[in-house]
Protein backbone atom coordinates (compact mmCIF):
# COMPACT_ATOMS: atom_id res chain seq x y z
CA MET A 1 102.28 68.17 -11.63
CA SER A 2 104.57 67.54 -14.59
CA ASP A 3 101.87 65.45 -16.28
CA HIS A 4 99.64 68.48 -16.73
CA PRO A 5 100.11 70.47 -19.93
CA VAL A 6 101.69 73.89 -19.66
CA ARG A 7 99.12 76.66 -19.68
CA PRO A 8 99.59 78.85 -22.76
CA GLN A 9 100.26 82.52 -22.30
CA THR A 10 97.15 84.63 -22.13
CA PRO A 11 96.90 86.84 -25.21
CA GLN A 12 97.06 90.50 -24.30
CA ALA A 13 95.04 93.28 -25.80
CA MET A 14 97.01 95.79 -27.82
CA LEU A 15 96.83 99.54 -27.49
CA HIS A 16 97.37 101.63 -30.60
CA ARG A 17 98.18 105.31 -30.40
CA LEU A 18 99.25 108.15 -32.66
CA PRO A 19 102.98 108.82 -32.85
CA ASP A 20 104.58 112.22 -32.53
CA LYS A 21 104.30 114.26 -35.69
CA PRO A 22 107.58 114.38 -37.59
CA ASP A 23 109.11 117.63 -38.72
CA VAL A 24 107.91 118.24 -42.26
CA PRO A 25 109.96 120.80 -44.22
CA SER A 26 108.02 123.96 -44.94
CA GLU A 27 109.41 124.47 -48.44
CA GLY A 28 107.13 121.73 -49.82
CA ASN A 29 107.86 119.03 -52.39
CA THR A 30 108.20 116.50 -49.58
CA LYS A 31 108.24 112.90 -50.73
CA PRO A 32 106.13 110.54 -48.59
CA SER A 33 107.97 107.96 -46.53
CA LYS A 34 105.07 105.47 -46.68
CA TYR A 35 102.04 105.02 -48.92
CA ILE A 36 98.45 103.93 -48.44
CA VAL A 37 96.83 102.34 -51.49
CA LEU A 38 93.18 103.38 -51.31
CA ILE A 39 91.02 101.39 -53.71
CA GLU A 40 87.70 103.18 -54.12
CA GLY A 41 84.57 101.92 -55.78
CA SER A 42 81.06 100.84 -54.93
CA THR A 43 80.29 97.35 -53.72
CA ALA A 44 78.69 96.68 -57.08
CA VAL A 45 82.09 96.75 -58.79
CA ALA A 46 82.87 93.21 -59.88
CA GLY A 47 86.00 91.81 -58.26
CA LYS A 48 86.66 94.76 -55.94
CA VAL A 49 87.55 92.59 -52.93
CA GLN A 50 89.58 90.22 -55.11
CA ILE A 51 91.50 93.14 -56.57
CA ALA A 52 92.19 94.55 -53.11
CA LYS A 53 93.38 91.19 -51.75
CA SER A 54 95.62 90.53 -54.74
CA VAL A 55 97.13 94.03 -54.60
CA SER A 56 97.76 93.67 -50.88
CA SER A 57 99.43 90.30 -51.38
CA ALA A 58 101.58 91.53 -54.26
CA LEU A 59 102.75 94.59 -52.30
CA SER A 60 103.28 92.56 -49.07
CA CYS A 61 101.14 94.89 -46.98
CA PRO A 62 98.03 94.33 -44.82
CA LEU A 63 94.52 94.88 -46.15
CA PHE A 64 91.69 96.64 -44.36
CA GLN A 65 88.19 96.83 -45.80
CA GLY A 66 87.16 100.30 -44.71
CA ASP A 67 83.87 100.83 -46.54
CA SER A 68 81.83 100.89 -43.34
CA LEU A 69 84.49 103.04 -41.64
CA HIS A 70 84.09 105.73 -44.28
CA GLU A 71 80.30 105.62 -44.16
CA THR A 72 80.29 106.05 -40.37
CA CYS A 73 82.67 109.01 -40.51
CA ALA A 74 80.81 110.63 -43.41
CA LYS A 75 77.44 110.37 -41.62
CA ALA A 76 78.91 111.87 -38.45
CA ALA A 77 80.46 114.71 -40.45
CA GLY A 78 77.14 115.48 -42.13
CA LEU A 79 75.05 115.66 -38.95
CA GLY A 80 76.16 119.17 -38.04
CA ALA A 81 75.52 120.51 -41.52
CA ALA A 82 71.99 119.05 -41.62
CA SER A 83 71.05 120.53 -38.25
CA ARG A 84 72.36 123.99 -39.12
CA SER A 85 70.49 124.01 -42.44
CA THR A 86 67.24 122.93 -40.74
CA ALA A 87 67.56 125.60 -38.07
CA ALA A 88 68.11 128.26 -40.69
CA ASP A 89 65.05 127.15 -42.66
CA ASN A 90 62.77 127.10 -39.59
CA SER A 91 63.81 130.58 -38.50
CA GLY A 92 62.74 132.01 -41.83
CA GLU A 93 66.17 133.42 -42.58
CA ALA A 94 68.08 132.83 -45.73
CA ALA A 95 69.61 129.39 -45.42
CA THR A 96 73.30 129.47 -46.07
CA THR A 97 75.00 126.49 -47.59
CA ALA A 98 76.59 124.69 -44.64
CA GLY A 99 79.22 122.22 -45.72
CA PRO A 100 80.10 119.01 -43.91
CA ASN A 101 82.32 119.03 -40.85
CA GLU A 102 85.60 118.09 -42.49
CA ALA A 103 87.55 118.32 -39.24
CA ARG A 104 85.24 115.78 -37.60
CA TYR A 105 85.56 113.40 -40.54
CA ARG A 106 89.35 113.73 -40.52
CA ARG A 107 89.58 113.16 -36.77
CA MET A 108 87.25 110.14 -36.75
CA TRP A 109 88.82 108.59 -39.84
CA LEU A 110 92.32 108.85 -38.41
CA SER A 111 91.26 107.55 -34.99
CA LYS A 112 89.40 104.54 -36.37
CA LEU A 113 92.17 103.61 -38.78
CA THR A 114 94.78 103.93 -36.03
CA ARG A 115 92.90 101.42 -33.90
CA THR A 116 93.35 98.79 -36.61
CA GLY A 117 97.05 98.65 -35.79
CA HIS A 118 98.05 98.81 -39.47
CA LEU A 119 98.52 102.56 -39.79
CA PHE A 120 101.21 102.95 -37.10
CA PRO A 121 102.37 99.41 -36.26
CA ASP A 122 105.48 100.62 -34.42
CA GLU A 123 103.31 102.43 -31.85
CA SER A 124 101.31 99.35 -30.82
CA ARG A 125 101.95 98.19 -27.26
CA PRO A 126 100.44 95.47 -25.01
CA ALA A 127 97.79 96.85 -22.71
CA GLY A 128 99.55 95.48 -19.61
CA GLU A 129 103.01 96.77 -20.46
CA GLY A 130 104.55 98.74 -17.60
CA PHE A 131 101.88 97.65 -15.11
CA SER A 132 103.52 96.65 -11.80
CA GLY A 133 100.44 95.50 -9.96
CA PHE A 134 98.03 97.20 -7.59
CA GLY A 135 99.83 99.25 -4.96
CA GLY A 136 103.09 99.60 -6.90
CA GLY A 137 106.50 98.73 -5.58
CA ALA A 138 108.64 95.61 -5.84
CA ALA A 139 106.32 93.55 -3.68
CA ALA A 140 103.33 94.28 -5.91
CA SER A 141 105.30 93.49 -9.05
CA SER A 142 105.18 89.79 -8.22
CA THR A 143 101.54 89.69 -9.17
CA SER A 144 99.74 91.94 -11.59
CA THR A 145 96.23 90.72 -10.83
CA SER A 146 96.18 90.71 -7.04
CA ARG A 147 93.13 92.24 -5.44
CA ARG A 148 92.55 93.64 -2.01
CA GLY A 149 91.84 90.82 0.41
CA SER A 150 93.24 88.01 -1.76
CA GLY A 151 95.97 85.68 -0.59
CA SER A 152 98.68 87.28 -2.69
CA SER A 153 97.68 90.73 -1.49
CA VAL A 154 97.79 89.68 2.17
CA SER A 155 101.19 88.05 1.76
CA SER A 156 102.52 91.18 0.07
CA ASP A 157 101.25 93.34 2.93
CA VAL A 158 102.86 91.01 5.48
CA GLY A 159 106.19 91.19 3.63
CA ILE A 160 106.06 94.98 3.51
CA SER A 161 105.25 95.29 7.22
CA THR A 162 108.02 92.84 8.14
CA SER A 163 110.64 94.79 6.21
CA ALA A 164 109.40 98.04 7.74
CA SER A 165 109.72 96.65 11.27
CA SER A 166 113.26 95.44 10.58
CA VAL A 167 114.25 98.90 9.42
CA ALA A 168 112.78 100.47 12.55
CA SER A 169 114.58 98.01 14.86
CA GLY A 170 117.91 98.80 13.18
CA GLY A 171 117.87 102.37 14.41
CA GLY A 172 116.88 103.85 11.11
CA PHE A 173 119.51 101.98 9.11
CA MET A 174 118.45 99.39 6.58
CA SER A 175 119.66 95.94 7.52
CA SER A 176 121.25 93.51 5.11
CA SER A 177 118.14 91.33 5.11
CA THR A 178 116.11 94.02 3.38
CA ALA A 179 118.62 94.63 0.58
CA PRO A 180 117.10 94.03 -2.85
CA ALA A 181 118.17 90.71 -4.27
CA THR A 182 118.99 91.88 -7.75
CA LYS A 183 121.45 90.06 -9.92
CA TYR A 184 122.67 93.12 -11.81
CA VAL A 185 123.10 96.61 -10.44
CA ASN A 186 123.43 98.35 -13.78
CA LYS A 187 121.57 96.42 -16.42
CA PRO A 188 122.67 96.97 -20.00
CA PRO A 189 120.03 98.38 -22.34
CA PRO A 190 117.94 95.66 -23.96
CA VAL A 191 118.96 94.77 -27.49
CA PHE A 192 116.06 94.04 -29.82
CA ASN A 193 116.88 91.88 -32.81
CA LEU A 194 114.35 92.47 -35.55
CA SER A 195 113.13 89.45 -37.42
CA GLU A 196 113.34 89.23 -41.16
CA ASN A 197 109.63 89.96 -41.48
CA GLU A 198 109.99 93.11 -39.38
CA LYS A 199 112.95 94.28 -41.46
CA LEU A 200 111.02 93.75 -44.68
CA ARG A 201 107.97 95.53 -43.27
CA LYS A 202 110.00 98.58 -42.25
CA ALA A 203 111.69 98.73 -45.66
CA ASN A 204 108.43 98.29 -47.57
CA PRO A 205 107.08 101.68 -48.77
CA ALA A 206 103.55 100.22 -49.04
CA LEU A 207 102.02 100.67 -45.60
CA MET A 208 98.58 99.17 -46.17
CA ALA A 209 95.79 98.75 -48.70
CA VAL A 210 92.33 100.11 -47.89
CA THR A 211 88.99 99.79 -49.66
CA HIS A 212 86.50 102.67 -49.69
CA PRO A 213 83.35 103.43 -51.64
CA GLU A 214 83.32 106.22 -54.19
CA LEU A 215 84.67 109.35 -52.49
CA GLU A 216 83.89 113.00 -52.92
CA GLN A 217 86.65 115.54 -53.29
CA TRP A 218 86.43 116.79 -49.70
CA HIS A 219 86.75 113.19 -48.49
CA LYS A 220 90.01 112.82 -50.37
CA ASP A 221 91.33 116.15 -49.12
CA SER A 222 90.50 115.24 -45.51
CA ILE A 223 92.21 111.84 -45.79
CA ARG A 224 95.32 113.40 -47.35
CA LYS A 225 95.52 116.01 -44.58
CA ALA A 226 94.99 113.41 -41.85
CA VAL A 227 97.94 111.21 -42.80
CA GLY A 228 100.05 113.82 -44.59
CA GLU A 229 101.13 115.24 -41.23
CA TYR A 230 102.91 111.93 -40.61
CA ARG A 231 104.60 111.88 -44.05
CA ILE A 232 102.22 109.24 -45.38
CA GLY A 233 100.97 109.59 -48.93
CA VAL A 234 97.71 108.22 -50.33
CA ILE A 235 97.46 106.64 -53.78
CA PHE A 236 93.82 106.78 -54.89
CA VAL A 237 92.84 104.00 -57.30
CA PRO A 238 89.29 104.62 -58.57
CA LEU A 239 87.59 101.56 -60.01
CA TYR A 240 85.09 103.68 -61.91
CA GLU A 241 85.15 106.06 -64.83
CA ASP A 242 85.33 109.67 -63.75
CA GLU A 243 83.13 111.82 -65.97
CA ASP A 244 85.02 114.99 -65.05
CA TYR A 245 88.39 113.48 -65.91
CA GLU A 246 89.85 114.80 -69.14
CA PRO A 247 92.48 112.56 -70.72
CA PRO A 248 95.64 114.20 -72.03
CA VAL A 249 95.60 115.46 -75.60
CA LEU A 250 97.39 113.08 -77.93
CA ARG A 251 99.63 114.66 -80.52
CA PRO A 252 100.48 113.00 -83.83
CA LEU A 253 103.92 111.44 -84.06
CA ASP A 254 106.59 113.21 -86.01
CA PRO A 255 107.75 110.89 -88.84
CA ARG A 256 111.24 112.35 -88.68
CA THR A 257 111.73 110.98 -85.15
CA MET A 258 110.54 107.48 -86.07
CA THR A 259 113.59 105.63 -87.31
CA SER A 260 112.13 102.16 -87.04
CA PHE A 261 109.13 100.28 -85.75
CA ALA A 262 111.18 99.17 -82.73
CA ALA A 263 110.65 102.64 -81.25
CA LEU A 264 106.98 101.81 -80.76
CA GLY A 265 107.93 99.50 -77.91
CA SER A 266 108.78 102.45 -75.69
CA LEU A 267 105.27 103.89 -75.85
CA GLY A 268 104.03 101.64 -73.07
CA ALA A 269 106.90 102.65 -70.81
CA ALA A 270 106.21 106.31 -71.50
CA ARG A 271 102.63 105.87 -70.34
CA ARG A 272 103.93 104.45 -67.04
CA ALA A 273 106.44 107.21 -66.49
CA VAL A 274 105.49 109.32 -63.47
CA THR A 275 107.17 112.14 -61.65
CA GLY A 276 108.09 112.01 -57.99
CA ALA A 277 104.90 112.22 -55.92
CA THR A 278 104.78 114.71 -53.04
CA LEU A 279 102.55 115.23 -50.02
CA GLU A 280 101.17 118.46 -51.44
CA GLU A 281 99.54 116.88 -54.50
CA GLU A 282 96.77 114.36 -54.95
CA ILE A 283 98.06 111.05 -56.31
CA VAL A 284 95.52 109.30 -58.54
CA LEU A 285 96.25 106.11 -60.46
CA ARG A 286 93.96 105.79 -63.48
CA VAL A 287 93.41 102.24 -64.69
CA ASP A 288 91.35 100.60 -67.43
CA VAL A 289 88.22 99.62 -65.51
CA GLN A 290 86.90 97.69 -68.53
CA ALA A 291 89.83 95.27 -68.48
CA LYS A 292 89.71 91.79 -67.00
CA VAL A 293 90.26 91.40 -63.28
CA GLU A 294 93.65 89.73 -63.75
CA ASP A 295 94.85 92.46 -66.09
CA LEU A 296 93.45 95.14 -63.80
CA ILE A 297 95.32 93.73 -60.80
CA GLU A 298 98.58 93.72 -62.73
CA GLU A 299 97.99 97.28 -63.90
CA VAL A 300 97.32 98.51 -60.36
CA VAL A 301 100.37 96.76 -58.89
CA ASP A 302 102.70 98.04 -61.63
CA GLY A 303 101.32 101.57 -61.36
CA VAL A 304 101.66 101.69 -57.56
CA ARG A 305 105.24 100.42 -57.75
CA ASP A 306 106.10 103.05 -60.34
CA ILE A 307 104.71 105.80 -58.13
CA MET A 308 106.50 104.60 -55.00
CA SER A 309 109.84 104.19 -56.77
CA ALA A 310 109.69 107.50 -58.66
């Protein structure tokens, strides 16, 4: 028997669930505890996947390509609006503008992203954890896959009936033969030593990087509301030029404040300066989409780090 190789442990499926919502102060201005870097842009954007992979590697966080996830949730959220509009048109009444079902999009988006295991990694558990076998009890805990009529099930039933008969013959008192053979009466609580990778993951403010196509405003609001209840902020990084975006007005420099040309070196740092981001505001990182891919990656990584450390 020793010549046979040891059978490897069967990989178990993982169950991912939502954690309890933390207490968020009602006065506002709450700083997120973790951040999701959401890179949005159409599939036609050159280097979108490369940018996402490089940003994920630089921030030491997992990457999830969620373009199809968003499209599925958006289509499901728009079904109700389409049916209500059609019913109003067929009835001859004035058709009111029925918006998309934002609650459905928010619920589906959060559920699908939770099942990836990246959104709440501390809540992931093996599917068989806490399962003591069919029938329960100490006898059933020896096998977790026994079925009715199998050899292990029959032997367990025989052991249970034998112990029951010994109790009955002892006049209602449990004999010493039926005492549980446990090594420790009061077991100390298990001590879990986190690995270095787990410690770094918990200390890393970047939770994950996600790719999405170009989003509408109600998509962004729904995503922010979905994860904001768990103190998770979203940093939107659009890889396209927003036509509605108005750049800040540049004022001419005052010559009296310019003592030397060395002061020009601080202009780049001033452009990076950001205030502390909160859960109540939308965090958007504007980048130069016309730059090279390497320069764009560096700009995104530096901008995200500035936001998280502000």
